[in-house]
Amino acid sequence: MKYLRKVVSMVLIMAMVFVMTGCGAMMENLTATTTDHLQKLVDAYKNGDMETFKAGFEDDDKIHYMLDAVGDTDSTGMKGVYQKVYELTKAAEITIVGVSEEQQSISDEYITIKIKTVDFSEALQEAMTAAMEEGGEAFADMPGWMMEALNTGGVSVEKEFDVRIDTNGGLYTKTHNEELYETLFGGFYDYIAYTMTTCTAEEGCSYLMASKDEIIISYDEFSESVAGYGLTDADIDAYIAEFMFEYKDLDGVAAGGYCEDEVVTLYQIVNYEAASAFTLQRLGIVSGGSYDYISLNSTIKGFEADGMTCETTDFGSGVLTKTEN
């Protein structure tokens, strides 16, 4: 009996050794595999192999609109902007450091990566702001002010962070890889697949910049003639100042106005990512309670019910075509 127990014990010990050895080998292979997967994706982006690079993203990731445009012969509209973003970011210096200490399981890996590249975040914000100051039509020309930002140039950045990649070689979504998405594409990722809707009425226009059904920024413009009222420049300035005063304490809102050829134009800009629920209630955009986002489709229906004519464009990116299908 004692001999049998010794034999059983030896068998169990040997089995444990084999299991532990096997796990160790599996982890080494997994580490090498996931690192190689990421290196393959990095090389594909730098070398223009968009098919290989696209395979690392979910099918519904909006990055596909940009990547599909890279090899397109059409360089008009948003496709030209996407091509420009790629041309400016493909030269990034990318170094894969190795497996991160934050590795959590054998089903996915955190790989530490260093990227030295250019960032256009500030340039894009400045170009959009300048377009807004010029007027609604300039703001509505998204490819125009985006290209202006890219031609102006960005700032050099160097970052080190962890990238989460699964064992099949795919990248996890932006929720898990925000720094990669923002850095690799020069701060442009959030602008991909934006649409612009223009709603017109006799007294003014509304311009709605949106991502899918979510409105990101609205620009409302109202014009009226002051001819024959005998108003002085001081009167008009006071009128505009009074209008602006109504919005001065509302977060995420900007307002202003100007007068040309005896026509006063007032505008109101709302950044829905910055505006609070209180602000949106004050503006009458929401009535209270909880909401996820301000719907583009619902807003258009409301405008059209009020007699406005609305038209949405994706500037040739393909977003609307895919939505219709």
C-alpha atoms as a PDB file:
ATOM      1  CA  MET A   1       0.000   0.000   0.000  1.00  0.00           C
ATOM      2  CA  LYS A   2       2.813   2.422   0.878  1.00  0.00           C
ATOM      3  CA  TYR A   3       4.488   1.598  -2.418  1.00  0.00           C
ATOM      4  CA  LEU A   4       1.247   2.306  -4.291  1.00  0.00           C
ATOM      5  CA  ARG A   5       0.897   5.674  -2.556  1.00  0.00           C
ATOM      6  CA  LYS A   6       4.455   6.584  -3.556  1.00  0.00           C
ATOM      7  CA  VAL A   7       3.728   5.640  -7.152  1.00  0.00           C
ATOM      8  CA  VAL A   8       0.527   7.723  -7.179  1.00  0.00           C
ATOM      9  CA  SER A   9       2.350  10.676  -5.609  1.00  0.00           C
ATOM     10  CA  MET A  10       5.121  10.497  -8.196  1.00  0.00           C
ATOM     11  CA  VAL A  11       2.567  10.378 -11.016  1.00  0.00           C
ATOM     12  CA  LEU A  12       0.780  13.453  -9.644  1.00  0.00           C
ATOM     13  CA  ILE A  13       4.040  15.348  -9.245  1.00  0.00           C
ATOM     14  CA  MET A  14       5.097  14.486 -12.802  1.00  0.00           C
ATOM     15  CA  ALA A  15       1.686  15.559 -14.093  1.00  0.00           C
ATOM     16  CA  MET A  16       1.962  18.900 -12.296  1.00  0.00           C
ATOM     17  CA  VAL A  17       5.448  19.443 -13.717  1.00  0.00           C
ATOM     18  CA  PHE A  18       4.198  18.760 -17.239  1.00  0.00           C
ATOM     19  CA  VAL A  19       1.190  21.066 -16.770  1.00  0.00           C
ATOM     20  CA  MET A  20       3.314  23.890 -15.359  1.00  0.00           C
ATOM     21  CA  THR A  21       5.895  23.450 -18.102  1.00  0.00           C
ATOM     22  CA  GLY A  22       3.151  23.442 -20.704  1.00  0.00           C
ATOM     23  CA  CYS A  23       1.578  26.609 -19.276  1.00  0.00           C
ATOM     24  CA  GLY A  24       4.942  28.326 -19.260  1.00  0.00           C
ATOM     25  CA  ALA A  25       5.546  27.426 -22.872  1.00  0.00           C
ATOM     26  CA  MET A  26       2.022  28.512 -23.792  1.00  0.00           C
ATOM     27  CA  MET A  27       2.526  31.902 -22.120  1.00  0.00           C
ATOM     28  CA  GLU A  28       5.846  32.378 -23.928  1.00  0.00           C
ATOM     29  CA  ASN A  29       4.219  31.533 -27.258  1.00  0.00           C
ATOM     30  CA  LEU A  30       1.271  33.805 -26.497  1.00  0.00           C
ATOM     31  CA  THR A  31       3.588  36.674 -25.612  1.00  0.00           C
ATOM     32  CA  ALA A  32       5.531  36.244 -28.824  1.00  0.00           C
ATOM     33  CA  THR A  33       2.339  35.890 -30.849  1.00  0.00           C
ATOM     34  CA  THR A  34       0.582  38.995 -29.568  1.00  0.00           C
ATOM     35  CA  THR A  35       3.728  41.091 -29.874  1.00  0.00           C
ATOM     36  CA  ASP A  36       4.191  39.849 -33.425  1.00  0.00           C
ATOM     37  CA  HIS A  37       0.557  40.621 -34.196  1.00  0.00           C
ATOM     38  CA  LEU A  38       1.002  44.219 -33.088  1.00  0.00           C
ATOM     39  CA  GLN A  39       4.264  44.561 -35.011  1.00  0.00           C
ATOM     40  CA  LYS A  40       2.490  43.266 -38.110  1.00  0.00           C
ATOM     41  CA  LEU A  41      -0.236  45.892 -37.765  1.00  0.00           C
ATOM     42  CA  VAL A  42       2.292  48.665 -37.181  1.00  0.00           C
ATOM     43  CA  ASP A  43       4.312  47.658 -40.248  1.00  0.00           C
ATOM     44  CA  ALA A  44       1.149  47.442 -42.341  1.00  0.00           C
ATOM     45  CA  TYR A  45       0.135  51.003 -41.450  1.00  0.00           C
ATOM     46  CA  LYS A  46       3.556  52.446 -42.168  1.00  0.00           C
ATOM     47  CA  ASN A  47       3.865  50.558 -45.473  1.00  0.00           C
ATOM     48  CA  GLY A  48       0.379  51.332 -46.756  1.00  0.00           C
ATOM     49  CA  ASP A  49      -0.920  47.757 -46.495  1.00  0.00           C
ATOM     50  CA  MET A  50      -4.421  48.813 -45.570  1.00  0.00           C
ATOM     51  CA  GLU A  51      -5.997  45.368 -45.959  1.00  0.00           C
ATOM     52  CA  THR A  52      -3.707  43.881 -43.320  1.00  0.00           C
ATOM     53  CA  PHE A  53      -4.100  46.899 -41.065  1.00  0.00           C
ATOM     54  CA  LYS A  54      -7.907  46.901 -41.361  1.00  0.00           C
ATOM     55  CA  ALA A  55      -8.010  43.277 -40.234  1.00  0.00           C
ATOM     56  CA  GLY A  56      -6.959  44.458 -36.780  1.00  0.00           C
ATOM     57  CA  PHE A  57     -10.179  46.425 -36.243  1.00  0.00           C
ATOM     58  CA  GLU A  58     -13.797  45.488 -35.687  1.00  0.00           C
ATOM     59  CA  ASP A  59     -15.876  45.567 -38.876  1.00  0.00           C
ATOM     60  CA  ASP A  60     -18.024  48.412 -37.562  1.00  0.00           C
ATOM     61  CA  ASP A  61     -15.113  50.603 -36.429  1.00  0.00           C
ATOM     62  CA  LYS A  62     -15.309  53.972 -38.172  1.00  0.00           C
ATOM     63  CA  ILE A  63     -11.586  53.841 -38.949  1.00  0.00           C
ATOM     64  CA  HIS A  64     -12.539  51.824 -42.056  1.00  0.00           C
ATOM     65  CA  TYR A  65     -13.874  54.982 -43.735  1.00  0.00           C
ATOM     66  CA  MET A  66     -10.435  56.546 -43.492  1.00  0.00           C
ATOM     67  CA  LEU A  67      -8.519  53.411 -44.452  1.00  0.00           C
ATOM     68  CA  ASP A  68     -10.760  52.739 -47.474  1.00  0.00           C
ATOM     69  CA  ALA A  69     -10.009  56.246 -48.728  1.00  0.00           C
ATOM     70  CA  VAL A  70      -6.225  55.809 -48.583  1.00  0.00           C
ATOM     71  CA  GLY A  71      -6.007  53.789 -51.788  1.00  0.00           C
ATOM     72  CA  ASP A  72      -8.854  55.584 -53.563  1.00  0.00           C
ATOM     73  CA  THR A  73      -8.109  57.597 -56.695  1.00  0.00           C
ATOM     74  CA  ASP A  74     -10.764  60.122 -55.652  1.00  0.00           C
ATOM     75  CA  SER A  75      -9.189  62.791 -53.450  1.00  0.00           C
ATOM     76  CA  THR A  76     -12.132  65.174 -53.220  1.00  0.00           C
ATOM     77  CA  GLY A  77     -14.141  66.005 -50.124  1.00  0.00           C
ATOM     78  CA  MET A  78     -13.541  63.961 -47.018  1.00  0.00           C
ATOM     79  CA  LYS A  79     -11.578  61.294 -48.879  1.00  0.00           C
ATOM     80  CA  GLY A  80      -8.890  63.872 -49.591  1.00  0.00           C
ATOM     81  CA  VAL A  81      -8.793  64.786 -45.897  1.00  0.00           C
ATOM     82  CA  TYR A  82      -8.431  61.137 -44.869  1.00  0.00           C
ATOM     83  CA  GLN A  83      -5.641  60.642 -47.390  1.00  0.00           C
ATOM     84  CA  LYS A  84      -3.867  63.711 -46.027  1.00  0.00           C
ATOM     85  CA  VAL A  85      -4.130  62.425 -42.441  1.00  0.00           C
ATOM     86  CA  TYR A  86      -2.529  59.155 -43.480  1.00  0.00           C
ATOM     87  CA  GLU A  87       0.253  60.868 -45.418  1.00  0.00           C
ATOM     88  CA  LEU A  88       1.100  62.967 -42.357  1.00  0.00           C
ATOM     89  CA  THR A  89       0.980  60.130 -39.821  1.00  0.00           C
ATOM     90  CA  LYS A  90       2.434  57.120 -41.644  1.00  0.00           C
ATOM     91  CA  ALA A  91       5.991  58.314 -40.918  1.00  0.00           C
ATOM     92  CA  ALA A  92       5.485  57.946 -37.173  1.00  0.00           C
ATOM     93  CA  GLU A  93       8.358  56.341 -35.277  1.00  0.00           C
ATOM     94  CA  ILE A  94       6.790  53.346 -33.545  1.00  0.00           C
ATOM     95  CA  THR A  95       8.659  51.065 -31.170  1.00  0.00           C
ATOM     96  CA  ILE A  96       7.145  48.013 -29.519  1.00  0.00           C
ATOM     97  CA  VAL A  97       8.782  47.777 -26.105  1.00  0.00           C
ATOM     98  CA  GLY A  98       7.307  44.426 -25.089  1.00  0.00           C
ATOM     99  CA  VAL A  99       4.701  42.860 -22.869  1.00  0.00           C
ATOM    100  CA  SER A 100       3.404  45.215 -20.202  1.00  0.00           C
ATOM    101  CA  GLU A 101       3.435  44.380 -16.526  1.00  0.00           C
ATOM    102  CA  GLU A 102      -0.300  44.979 -16.608  1.00  0.00           C
ATOM    103  CA  GLN A 103      -0.850  41.675 -18.428  1.00  0.00           C
ATOM    104  CA  GLN A 104      -4.002  40.229 -16.902  1.00  0.00           C
ATOM    105  CA  SER A 105      -4.788  36.888 -18.547  1.00  0.00           C
ATOM    106  CA  ILE A 106      -3.805  34.504 -21.309  1.00  0.00           C
ATOM    107  CA  SER A 107      -6.763  35.634 -23.432  1.00  0.00           C
ATOM    108  CA  ASP A 108      -5.440  39.125 -24.096  1.00  0.00           C
ATOM    109  CA  GLU A 109      -2.225  41.078 -23.714  1.00  0.00           C
ATOM    110  CA  TYR A 110      -1.134  44.574 -22.842  1.00  0.00           C
ATOM    111  CA  ILE A 111       1.819  45.524 -25.025  1.00  0.00           C
ATOM    112  CA  THR A 112       3.859  48.635 -24.216  1.00  0.00           C
ATOM    113  CA  ILE A 113       4.461  50.831 -27.249  1.00  0.00           C
ATOM    114  CA  LYS A 114       6.281  54.107 -27.941  1.00  0.00           C
ATOM    115  CA  ILE A 115       5.104  56.497 -30.652  1.00  0.00           C
ATOM    116  CA  LYS A 116       6.800  59.648 -31.875  1.00  0.00           C
ATOM    117  CA  THR A 117       4.554  61.466 -34.312  1.00  0.00           C
ATOM    118  CA  VAL A 118       2.627  64.674 -35.001  1.00  0.00           C
ATOM    119  CA  ASP A 119      -0.641  65.730 -33.345  1.00  0.00           C
ATOM    120  CA  PHE A 120      -3.249  67.968 -34.994  1.00  0.00           C
ATOM    121  CA  SER A 121      -5.745  68.245 -32.120  1.00  0.00           C
ATOM    122  CA  GLU A 122      -5.108  71.927 -31.426  1.00  0.00           C
ATOM    123  CA  ALA A 123      -4.841  72.804 -35.113  1.00  0.00           C
ATOM    124  CA  LEU A 124      -8.230  71.199 -35.786  1.00  0.00           C
ATOM    125  CA  GLN A 125      -9.862  73.041 -32.904  1.00  0.00           C
ATOM    126  CA  GLU A 126      -8.366  76.356 -34.000  1.00  0.00           C
ATOM    127  CA  ALA A 127      -9.394  75.840 -37.626  1.00  0.00           C
ATOM    128  CA  MET A 128     -12.950  74.947 -36.629  1.00  0.00           C
ATOM    129  CA  THR A 129     -13.176  77.985 -34.344  1.00  0.00           C
ATOM    130  CA  ALA A 130     -11.887  80.251 -37.116  1.00  0.00           C
ATOM    131  CA  ALA A 131     -14.491  78.834 -39.496  1.00  0.00           C
ATOM    132  CA  MET A 132     -17.241  79.462 -36.946  1.00  0.00           C
ATOM    133  CA  GLU A 133     -16.140  83.063 -36.582  1.00  0.00           C
ATOM    134  CA  GLU A 134     -16.337  83.434 -40.350  1.00  0.00           C
ATOM    135  CA  GLY A 135     -19.923  82.174 -40.423  1.00  0.00           C
ATOM    136  CA  GLY A 136     -22.178  79.148 -40.693  1.00  0.00           C
ATOM    137  CA  GLU A 137     -21.303  78.318 -44.283  1.00  0.00           C
ATOM    138  CA  ALA A 138     -17.596  78.255 -43.456  1.00  0.00           C
ATOM    139  CA  PHE A 139     -18.264  75.969 -40.480  1.00  0.00           C
ATOM    140  CA  ALA A 140     -20.363  73.690 -42.691  1.00  0.00           C
ATOM    141  CA  ASP A 141     -17.395  73.246 -45.029  1.00  0.00           C
ATOM    142  CA  MET A 142     -15.782  70.549 -42.882  1.00  0.00           C
ATOM    143  CA  PRO A 143     -13.275  69.319 -45.480  1.00  0.00           C
ATOM    144  CA  GLY A 144     -12.177  72.929 -45.972  1.00  0.00           C
ATOM    145  CA  TRP A 145     -11.289  73.767 -42.379  1.00  0.00           C
ATOM    146  CA  MET A 146      -9.973  70.272 -41.679  1.00  0.00           C
ATOM    147  CA  MET A 147      -7.572  70.510 -44.605  1.00  0.00           C
ATOM    148  CA  GLU A 148      -6.598  73.985 -43.443  1.00  0.00           C
ATOM    149  CA  ALA A 149      -5.641  72.523 -40.065  1.00  0.00           C
ATOM    150  CA  LEU A 150      -3.627  69.709 -41.616  1.00  0.00           C
ATOM    151  CA  ASN A 151      -1.791  72.101 -43.932  1.00  0.00           C
ATOM    152  CA  THR A 152      -1.045  74.449 -41.036  1.00  0.00           C
ATOM    153  CA  GLY A 153       0.783  71.668 -39.254  1.00  0.00           C
ATOM    154  CA  GLY A 154       0.630  69.959 -35.896  1.00  0.00           C
ATOM    155  CA  VAL A 155       2.925  69.605 -32.928  1.00  0.00           C
ATOM    156  CA  SER A 156       5.458  66.845 -32.334  1.00  0.00           C
ATOM    157  CA  VAL A 157       4.519  64.413 -29.585  1.00  0.00           C
ATOM    158  CA  GLU A 158       6.208  61.396 -28.048  1.00  0.00           C
ATOM    159  CA  LYS A 159       4.173  59.022 -25.913  1.00  0.00           C
ATOM    160  CA  GLU A 160       4.549  55.630 -24.262  1.00  0.00           C
ATOM    161  CA  PHE A 161       1.480  53.617 -23.287  1.00  0.00           C
ATOM    162  CA  ASP A 162      -0.044  50.152 -23.271  1.00  0.00           C
ATOM    163  CA  VAL A 163      -2.016  48.694 -26.170  1.00  0.00           C
ATOM    164  CA  ARG A 164      -4.549  45.953 -25.614  1.00  0.00           C
ATOM    165  CA  ILE A 165      -4.505  43.315 -28.335  1.00  0.00           C
ATOM    166  CA  ASP A 166      -6.259  39.950 -28.412  1.00  0.00           C
ATOM    167  CA  THR A 167      -4.661  36.614 -29.267  1.00  0.00           C
ATOM    168  CA  ASN A 168      -6.142  36.680 -32.781  1.00  0.00           C
ATOM    169  CA  GLY A 169      -4.201  39.823 -33.587  1.00  0.00           C
ATOM    170  CA  GLY A 170      -7.084  42.262 -33.323  1.00  0.00           C
ATOM    171  CA  LEU A 171      -7.049  45.562 -31.475  1.00  0.00           C
ATOM    172  CA  TYR A 172      -9.606  46.200 -28.813  1.00  0.00           C
ATOM    173  CA  THR A 173     -11.879  49.206 -29.380  1.00  0.00           C
ATOM    174  CA  LYS A 174     -11.054  52.808 -28.527  1.00  0.00           C
ATOM    175  CA  THR A 175     -12.622  52.298 -25.099  1.00  0.00           C
ATOM    176  CA  HIS A 176      -9.647  50.076 -24.225  1.00  0.00           C
ATOM    177  CA  ASN A 177      -7.052  51.704 -26.505  1.00  0.00           C
ATOM    178  CA  GLU A 178      -7.884  55.410 -26.420  1.00  0.00           C
ATOM    179  CA  GLU A 179      -4.269  56.620 -26.430  1.00  0.00           C
ATOM    180  CA  LEU A 180      -3.401  54.473 -29.447  1.00  0.00           C
ATOM    181  CA  TYR A 181      -6.386  55.681 -31.474  1.00  0.00           C
ATOM    182  CA  GLU A 182      -5.718  59.318 -30.625  1.00  0.00           C
ATOM    183  CA  THR A 183      -1.936  59.206 -31.068  1.00  0.00           C
ATOM    184  CA  LEU A 184      -1.526  57.030 -34.163  1.00  0.00           C
ATOM    185  CA  PHE A 185      -4.006  59.097 -36.190  1.00  0.00           C
ATOM    186  CA  GLY A 186      -2.670  62.460 -35.055  1.00  0.00           C
ATOM    187  CA  GLY A 187      -5.657  63.430 -32.925  1.00  0.00           C
ATOM    188  CA  PHE A 188      -8.000  62.990 -35.887  1.00  0.00           C
ATOM    189  CA  TYR A 189      -9.840  59.773 -34.965  1.00  0.00           C
ATOM    190  CA  ASP A 190     -12.842  61.503 -33.368  1.00  0.00           C
ATOM    191  CA  TYR A 191     -13.437  63.516 -36.559  1.00  0.00           C
ATOM    192  CA  ILE A 192     -13.721  60.433 -38.774  1.00  0.00           C
ATOM    193  CA  ALA A 193     -17.203  59.756 -40.207  1.00  0.00           C
ATOM    194  CA  TYR A 194     -18.641  63.117 -39.167  1.00  0.00           C
ATOM    195  CA  THR A 195     -21.573  64.407 -41.201  1.00  0.00           C
ATOM    196  CA  MET A 196     -22.943  67.921 -41.668  1.00  0.00           C
ATOM    197  CA  THR A 197     -26.648  68.721 -41.871  1.00  0.00           C
ATOM    198  CA  THR A 198     -27.865  72.103 -43.099  1.00  0.00           C
ATOM    199  CA  CYS A 199     -31.432  73.108 -42.257  1.00  0.00           C
ATOM    200  CA  THR A 200     -32.670  76.312 -43.858  1.00  0.00           C
ATOM    201  CA  ALA A 201     -35.625  78.613 -43.325  1.00  0.00           C
ATOM    202  CA  GLU A 202     -36.402  82.132 -44.491  1.00  0.00           C
ATOM    203  CA  GLU A 203     -35.051  83.701 -41.310  1.00  0.00           C
ATOM    204  CA  GLY A 204     -31.905  81.622 -40.876  1.00  0.00           C
ATOM    205  CA  CYS A 205     -30.006  78.352 -40.929  1.00  0.00           C
ATOM    206  CA  SER A 206     -28.979  75.596 -38.552  1.00  0.00           C
ATOM    207  CA  TYR A 207     -25.818  73.589 -39.133  1.00  0.00           C
ATOM    208  CA  LEU A 208     -25.487  70.266 -37.307  1.00  0.00           C
ATOM    209  CA  MET A 209     -22.186  68.401 -37.095  1.00  0.00           C
ATOM    210  CA  ALA A 210     -22.863  64.820 -36.052  1.00  0.00           C
ATOM    211  CA  SER A 211     -21.353  61.395 -35.491  1.00  0.00           C
ATOM    212  CA  LYS A 212     -23.937  58.841 -36.633  1.00  0.00           C
ATOM    213  CA  ASP A 213     -27.152  59.989 -34.921  1.00  0.00           C
ATOM    214  CA  GLU A 214     -25.428  62.037 -32.214  1.00  0.00           C
ATOM    215  CA  ILE A 215     -25.149  65.795 -32.695  1.00  0.00           C
ATOM    216  CA  ILE A 216     -21.710  67.028 -31.623  1.00  0.00           C
ATOM    217  CA  ILE A 217     -22.015  70.747 -32.412  1.00  0.00           C
ATOM    218  CA  SER A 218     -24.875  72.922 -33.624  1.00  0.00           C
ATOM    219  CA  TYR A 219     -24.483  76.358 -35.206  1.00  0.00           C
ATOM    220  CA  ASP A 220     -27.685  78.401 -35.455  1.00  0.00           C
ATOM    221  CA  GLU A 221     -27.690  81.603 -37.476  1.00  0.00           C
ATOM    222  CA  PHE A 222     -30.495  84.176 -37.643  1.00  0.00           C
ATOM    223  CA  SER A 223     -30.585  87.263 -39.861  1.00  0.00           C
ATOM    224  CA  GLU A 224     -32.880  90.282 -40.041  1.00  0.00           C
ATOM    225  CA  SER A 225     -32.794  93.573 -41.876  1.00  0.00           C
ATOM    226  CA  VAL A 226     -32.535  96.774 -39.842  1.00  0.00           C
ATOM    227  CA  ALA A 227     -32.933  99.053 -42.850  1.00  0.00           C
ATOM    228  CA  GLY A 228     -35.316 101.935 -42.252  1.00  0.00           C
ATOM    229  CA  TYR A 229     -35.239 101.658 -38.458  1.00  0.00           C
ATOM    230  CA  GLY A 230     -32.831 104.555 -38.063  1.00  0.00           C
ATOM    231  CA  LEU A 231     -30.525 102.544 -35.804  1.00  0.00           C
ATOM    232  CA  THR A 232     -27.043 103.842 -35.110  1.00  0.00           C
ATOM    233  CA  ASP A 233     -23.959 101.657 -34.887  1.00  0.00           C
ATOM    234  CA  ALA A 234     -24.170 102.012 -31.104  1.00  0.00           C
ATOM    235  CA  ASP A 235     -27.774 100.790 -31.162  1.00  0.00           C
ATOM    236  CA  ILE A 236     -26.822  97.729 -33.177  1.00  0.00           C
ATOM    237  CA  ASP A 237     -23.835  96.989 -30.942  1.00  0.00           C
ATOM    238  CA  ALA A 238     -26.091  97.201 -27.888  1.00  0.00           C
ATOM    239  CA  TYR A 239     -28.603  94.860 -29.517  1.00  0.00           C
ATOM    240  CA  ILE A 240     -25.916  92.281 -30.229  1.00  0.00           C
ATOM    241  CA  ALA A 241     -24.449  92.669 -26.741  1.00  0.00           C
ATOM    242  CA  GLU A 242     -27.869  92.049 -25.184  1.00  0.00           C
ATOM    243  CA  PHE A 243     -28.221  88.864 -27.228  1.00  0.00           C
ATOM    244  CA  MET A 244     -24.792  87.628 -26.156  1.00  0.00           C
ATOM    245  CA  PHE A 245     -25.517  88.403 -22.497  1.00  0.00           C
ATOM    246  CA  GLU A 246     -28.290  85.802 -22.461  1.00  0.00           C
ATOM    247  CA  TYR A 247     -25.731  83.031 -23.027  1.00  0.00           C
ATOM    248  CA  LYS A 248     -22.664  84.266 -21.162  1.00  0.00           C
ATOM    249  CA  ASP A 249     -22.993  81.894 -18.180  1.00  0.00           C
ATOM    250  CA  LEU A 250     -23.996  78.782 -20.119  1.00  0.00           C
ATOM    251  CA  ASP A 251     -21.267  76.160 -20.408  1.00  0.00           C
ATOM    252  CA  GLY A 252     -20.560  74.827 -23.874  1.00  0.00           C
ATOM    253  CA  VAL A 253     -22.338  77.747 -25.540  1.00  0.00           C
ATOM    254  CA  ALA A 254     -20.978  80.679 -27.542  1.00  0.00           C
ATOM    255  CA  ALA A 255     -23.010  83.511 -29.028  1.00  0.00           C
ATOM    256  CA  GLY A 256     -22.293  86.591 -31.080  1.00  0.00           C
ATOM    257  CA  GLY A 257     -23.358  88.720 -33.987  1.00  0.00           C
ATOM    258  CA  TYR A 258     -22.375  91.210 -36.651  1.00  0.00           C
ATOM    259  CA  CYS A 259     -23.971  93.679 -39.048  1.00  0.00           C
ATOM    260  CA  GLU A 260     -23.300  93.924 -42.776  1.00  0.00           C
ATOM    261  CA  ASP A 261     -25.256  95.939 -45.345  1.00  0.00           C
ATOM    262  CA  GLU A 262     -27.920  96.791 -42.752  1.00  0.00           C
ATOM    263  CA  VAL A 263     -28.538  93.118 -41.997  1.00  0.00           C
ATOM    264  CA  VAL A 264     -27.885  91.918 -38.452  1.00  0.00           C
ATOM    265  CA  THR A 265     -26.835  88.291 -38.108  1.00  0.00           C
ATOM    266  CA  LEU A 266     -26.906  86.598 -34.705  1.00  0.00           C
ATOM    267  CA  TYR A 267     -25.451  83.161 -34.046  1.00  0.00           C
ATOM    268  CA  GLN A 268     -25.537  80.588 -31.277  1.00  0.00           C
ATOM    269  CA  ILE A 269     -23.082  77.693 -31.071  1.00  0.00           C
ATOM    270  CA  VAL A 270     -23.630  74.689 -28.798  1.00  0.00           C
ATOM    271  CA  ASN A 271     -20.947  72.104 -28.090  1.00  0.00           C
ATOM    272  CA  TYR A 272     -22.980  69.160 -26.812  1.00  0.00           C
ATOM    273  CA  GLU A 273     -19.928  67.406 -25.408  1.00  0.00           C
ATOM    274  CA  ALA A 274     -19.298  70.395 -23.136  1.00  0.00           C
ATOM    275  CA  ALA A 275     -22.821  71.626 -22.406  1.00  0.00           C
ATOM    276  CA  SER A 276     -24.459  70.476 -19.171  1.00  0.00           C
ATOM    277  CA  ALA A 277     -28.012  69.193 -18.805  1.00  0.00           C
ATOM    278  CA  PHE A 278     -28.868  72.493 -17.110  1.00  0.00           C
ATOM    279  CA  THR A 279     -27.623  74.427 -20.150  1.00  0.00           C
ATOM    280  CA  LEU A 280     -29.590  72.283 -22.585  1.00  0.00           C
ATOM    281  CA  GLN A 281     -32.716  72.754 -20.480  1.00  0.00           C
ATOM    282  CA  ARG A 282     -32.198  76.530 -20.475  1.00  0.00           C
ATOM    283  CA  LEU A 283     -31.922  76.448 -24.259  1.00  0.00           C
ATOM    284  CA  GLY A 284     -35.076  74.353 -24.551  1.00  0.00           C
ATOM    285  CA  ILE A 285     -33.204  71.511 -26.245  1.00  0.00           C
ATOM    286  CA  VAL A 286     -34.165  68.990 -23.552  1.00  0.00           C
ATOM    287  CA  SER A 287     -37.139  69.176 -21.242  1.00  0.00           C
ATOM    288  CA  GLY A 288     -35.504  67.490 -18.268  1.00  0.00           C
ATOM    289  CA  GLY A 289     -34.804  64.000 -17.061  1.00  0.00           C
ATOM    290  CA  SER A 290     -32.085  61.732 -18.395  1.00  0.00           C
ATOM    291  CA  TYR A 291     -30.907  61.488 -21.996  1.00  0.00           C
ATOM    292  CA  ASP A 292     -28.045  59.723 -23.751  1.00  0.00           C
ATOM    293  CA  TYR A 293     -27.408  62.244 -26.513  1.00  0.00           C
ATOM    294  CA  ILE A 294     -29.143  64.753 -28.774  1.00  0.00           C
ATOM    295  CA  SER A 295     -30.496  62.833 -31.762  1.00  0.00           C
ATOM    296  CA  LEU A 296     -29.814  64.140 -35.267  1.00  0.00           C
ATOM    297  CA  ASN A 297     -32.788  62.303 -36.769  1.00  0.00           C
ATOM    298  CA  SER A 298     -35.203  63.597 -34.141  1.00  0.00           C
ATOM    299  CA  THR A 299     -33.868  67.138 -34.525  1.00  0.00           C
ATOM    300  CA  ILE A 300     -34.271  67.025 -38.303  1.00  0.00           C
ATOM    301  CA  LYS A 301     -37.848  65.783 -37.964  1.00  0.00           C
ATOM    302  CA  GLY A 302     -38.615  68.640 -35.593  1.00  0.00           C
ATOM    303  CA  PHE A 303     -37.072  71.218 -37.914  1.00  0.00           C
ATOM    304  CA  GLU A 304     -38.918  69.866 -40.949  1.00  0.00           C
ATOM    305  CA  ALA A 305     -42.185  69.927 -39.008  1.00  0.00           C
ATOM    306  CA  ASP A 306     -41.514  73.643 -38.478  1.00  0.00           C
ATOM    307  CA  GLY A 307     -41.113  74.162 -42.224  1.00  0.00           C
ATOM    308  CA  MET A 308     -37.325  74.009 -42.510  1.00  0.00           C
ATOM    309  CA  THR A 309     -35.580  72.171 -45.341  1.00  0.00           C
ATOM    310  CA  CYS A 310     -32.750  69.867 -44.237  1.00  0.00           C
ATOM    311  CA  GLU A 311     -29.967  68.213 -46.186  1.00  0.00           C
ATOM    312  CA  THR A 312     -27.215  65.970 -44.805  1.00  0.00           C
ATOM    313  CA  THR A 313     -23.856  65.306 -46.451  1.00  0.00           C
ATOM    314  CA  ASP A 314     -20.912  63.070 -45.618  1.00  0.00           C
ATOM    315  CA  PHE A 315     -18.689  64.832 -48.200  1.00  0.00           C
ATOM    316  CA  GLY A 316     -18.118  61.542 -50.018  1.00  0.00           C
ATOM    317  CA  SER A 317     -16.836  59.527 -47.049  1.00  0.00           C
ATOM    318  CA  GLY A 318     -19.426  56.773 -47.572  1.00  0.00           C
ATOM    319  CA  VAL A 319     -21.058  57.098 -44.160  1.00  0.00           C
ATOM    320  CA  LEU A 320     -24.523  57.861 -45.506  1.00  0.00           C
ATOM    321  CA  THR A 321     -24.332  55.154 -48.157  1.00  0.00           C
ATOM    322  CA  LYS A 322     -23.532  52.536 -45.528  1.00  0.00           C
ATOM    323  CA  THR A 323     -26.304  53.830 -43.259  1.00  0.00           C
ATOM    324  CA  GLU A 324     -28.859  53.587 -46.061  1.00  0.00           C
ATOM    325  CA  ASN A 325     -27.812  50.017 -46.817  1.00  0.00           C
END
